[in-house]
Structures are given as structure tokens and as C-alpha cells.
């Protein structure tokens, strides 16, 4: 990611993804089963693994068929998602 004038230059496609989500105006909420499974996976991973919020996001994203994520956190790539920066 190059910077111009101190502001980060976003990769191509990021703005298009944001516009698509904005048009849909949907907020995805975790189901009760997502919470239970996220806590189970978090406890199994131990220190250094993804946090509870990451596990919850993985489950919700998979349930909704989402593959791209607006983050640069390594746990998402390791979990099989495509970070957008």
C-alpha cells in the first residue's frame, strides 16, 4: 500500500466493496450458536490465537458466504479470508 501525502492509498476494489455494502445497508448479527461456537474455538486456541471477536467474525462471515474482509490482521488470512489491505 503506497502513501501519498501521508494518507494511505487503498488497494483497487476496496472502495467498490465498501460502496456495495453501503447500498445493501445490512448489519449482520451473530446467532446464539455463533456465540457458543466462537467461545469453544477461542478456548481451544489458547494464547496467541484469534480473539473471541475474530472467531465470531469468522463464523458470521462464513455463514453469509463472505470471503473478503477490510482488515490487515493475519488471523483472517490464516482462517482463509482475503484481507483487502
C-alpha atoms as a PDB file:
ATOM      1  CA  UNK A   1       0.000   0.000   0.000  1.00  0.00           C
ATOM      2  CA  UNK A   2       1.621   3.256  -1.103  1.00  0.00           C
ATOM      3  CA  UNK A   3       1.120   6.517   0.648  1.00  0.00           C
ATOM      4  CA  UNK A   4       0.636   9.884  -0.958  1.00  0.00           C
ATOM      5  CA  UNK A   5       0.708  12.981   1.220  1.00  0.00           C
ATOM      6  CA  UNK A   6       0.532  10.944   4.416  1.00  0.00           C
ATOM      7  CA  UNK A   7      -2.800   9.280   3.599  1.00  0.00           C
ATOM      8  CA  UNK A   8      -2.837   5.542   2.844  1.00  0.00           C
ATOM      9  CA  UNK A   9      -3.614   4.530  -0.727  1.00  0.00           C
ATOM     10  CA  UNK A  10      -6.282   1.826  -0.623  1.00  0.00           C
ATOM     11  CA  UNK A  11      -5.946  -1.154  -2.962  1.00  0.00           C
ATOM     12  CA  UNK A  12      -8.169  -1.159  -6.021  1.00  0.00           C
ATOM     13  CA  UNK A  13     -11.523  -2.752  -5.339  1.00  0.00           C
ATOM     14  CA  UNK A  14     -11.736  -1.656  -1.715  1.00  0.00           C
ATOM     15  CA  UNK A  15     -13.889   1.375  -2.455  1.00  0.00           C
ATOM     16  CA  UNK A  16     -16.097  -0.715  -4.723  1.00  0.00           C
ATOM     17  CA  UNK A  17     -16.634  -3.258  -1.936  1.00  0.00           C
ATOM     18  CA  UNK A  18     -17.472  -0.500   0.538  1.00  0.00           C
ATOM     19  CA  UNK A  19     -19.975   1.019  -1.911  1.00  0.00           C
ATOM     20  CA  UNK A  20     -21.628  -2.361  -2.441  1.00  0.00           C
ATOM     21  CA  UNK A  21     -22.028  -2.910   1.306  1.00  0.00           C
ATOM     22  CA  UNK A  22     -23.297   0.625   1.767  1.00  0.00           C
ATOM     23  CA  UNK A  23     -26.008   0.054  -0.845  1.00  0.00           C
ATOM     24  CA  UNK A  24     -27.109  -3.151   0.874  1.00  0.00           C
ATOM     25  CA  UNK A  25     -27.352  -1.406   4.245  1.00  0.00           C
ATOM     26  CA  UNK A  26     -27.252  -4.665   6.146  1.00  0.00           C
ATOM     27  CA  UNK A  27     -25.862  -5.332   9.565  1.00  0.00           C
ATOM     28  CA  UNK A  28     -25.029  -8.965  10.217  1.00  0.00           C
ATOM     29  CA  UNK A  29     -25.637 -10.173  13.747  1.00  0.00           C
ATOM     30  CA  UNK A  30     -24.254 -13.379  15.251  1.00  0.00           C
ATOM     31  CA  UNK A  31     -26.737 -16.111  16.118  1.00  0.00           C
ATOM     32  CA  UNK A  32     -26.708 -17.754  19.550  1.00  0.00           C
ATOM     33  CA  UNK A  33     -24.981 -20.785  18.018  1.00  0.00           C
ATOM     34  CA  UNK A  34     -22.257 -18.491  16.622  1.00  0.00           C
ATOM     35  CA  UNK A  35     -21.502 -17.188  20.120  1.00  0.00           C
ATOM     36  CA  UNK A  36     -21.289 -20.671  21.605  1.00  0.00           C
ATOM     37  CA  UNK A  37     -19.047 -21.963  18.819  1.00  0.00           C
ATOM     38  CA  UNK A  38     -16.828 -18.861  18.926  1.00  0.00           C
ATOM     39  CA  UNK A  39     -16.221 -19.320  22.671  1.00  0.00           C
ATOM     40  CA  UNK A  40     -15.462 -23.007  22.139  1.00  0.00           C
ATOM     41  CA  UNK A  41     -12.897 -22.238  19.409  1.00  0.00           C
ATOM     42  CA  UNK A  42     -11.390 -19.378  21.405  1.00  0.00           C
ATOM     43  CA  UNK A  43     -10.864 -21.643  24.435  1.00  0.00           C
ATOM     44  CA  UNK A  44      -9.336 -24.353  22.237  1.00  0.00           C
ATOM     45  CA  UNK A  45      -6.857 -21.996  20.529  1.00  0.00           C
ATOM     46  CA  UNK A  46      -5.227 -20.615  23.654  1.00  0.00           C
ATOM     47  CA  UNK A  47      -2.873 -17.646  23.858  1.00  0.00           C
ATOM     48  CA  UNK A  48      -1.700 -16.218  20.540  1.00  0.00           C
ATOM     49  CA  UNK A  49      -4.659 -17.435  18.525  1.00  0.00           C
ATOM     50  CA  UNK A  50      -7.506 -15.342  17.187  1.00  0.00           C
ATOM     51  CA  UNK A  51      -9.541 -13.443  19.766  1.00  0.00           C
ATOM     52  CA  UNK A  52     -13.174 -14.083  20.539  1.00  0.00           C
ATOM     53  CA  UNK A  53     -14.270 -11.240  18.245  1.00  0.00           C
ATOM     54  CA  UNK A  54     -12.222 -12.711  15.387  1.00  0.00           C
ATOM     55  CA  UNK A  55     -13.762 -16.159  15.883  1.00  0.00           C
ATOM     56  CA  UNK A  56     -17.212 -14.630  15.935  1.00  0.00           C
ATOM     57  CA  UNK A  57     -16.475 -12.720  12.729  1.00  0.00           C
ATOM     58  CA  UNK A  58     -15.150 -15.891  11.029  1.00  0.00           C
ATOM     59  CA  UNK A  59     -18.347 -17.767  11.824  1.00  0.00           C
ATOM     60  CA  UNK A  60     -20.717 -14.979  10.738  1.00  0.00           C
ATOM     61  CA  UNK A  61     -18.732 -14.315   7.563  1.00  0.00           C
ATOM     62  CA  UNK A  62     -18.722 -17.996   6.600  1.00  0.00           C
ATOM     63  CA  UNK A  63     -22.440 -18.310   7.295  1.00  0.00           C
ATOM     64  CA  UNK A  64     -23.094 -15.398   4.920  1.00  0.00           C
ATOM     65  CA  UNK A  65     -20.596 -16.521   2.271  1.00  0.00           C
ATOM     66  CA  UNK A  66     -18.236 -13.559   2.706  1.00  0.00           C
ATOM     67  CA  UNK A  67     -14.636 -14.081   1.615  1.00  0.00           C
ATOM     68  CA  UNK A  68     -13.140 -10.565   1.699  1.00  0.00           C
ATOM     69  CA  UNK A  69     -12.522  -8.608   4.863  1.00  0.00           C
ATOM     70  CA  UNK A  70     -11.483  -4.992   5.449  1.00  0.00           C
ATOM     71  CA  UNK A  71      -8.556  -5.713   7.767  1.00  0.00           C
ATOM     72  CA  UNK A  72      -4.868  -6.448   7.725  1.00  0.00           C
ATOM     73  CA  UNK A  73      -4.991  -8.785  10.715  1.00  0.00           C
ATOM     74  CA  UNK A  74      -3.119 -12.012   9.992  1.00  0.00           C
ATOM     75  CA  UNK A  75      -5.686 -14.252  11.691  1.00  0.00           C
ATOM     76  CA  UNK A  76      -8.203 -13.585   8.934  1.00  0.00           C
ATOM     77  CA  UNK A  77      -5.783 -14.702   6.202  1.00  0.00           C
ATOM     78  CA  UNK A  78      -4.880 -17.773   8.255  1.00  0.00           C
ATOM     79  CA  UNK A  79      -8.607 -18.558   8.603  1.00  0.00           C
ATOM     80  CA  UNK A  80      -8.970 -18.479   4.805  1.00  0.00           C
ATOM     81  CA  UNK A  81     -10.303 -14.965   4.224  1.00  0.00           C
ATOM     82  CA  UNK A  82      -8.849 -12.377   1.811  1.00  0.00           C
ATOM     83  CA  UNK A  83      -7.809  -9.183   3.601  1.00  0.00           C
ATOM     84  CA  UNK A  84      -8.310  -6.120   1.403  1.00  0.00           C
ATOM     85  CA  UNK A  85      -5.186  -4.350   2.666  1.00  0.00           C
END
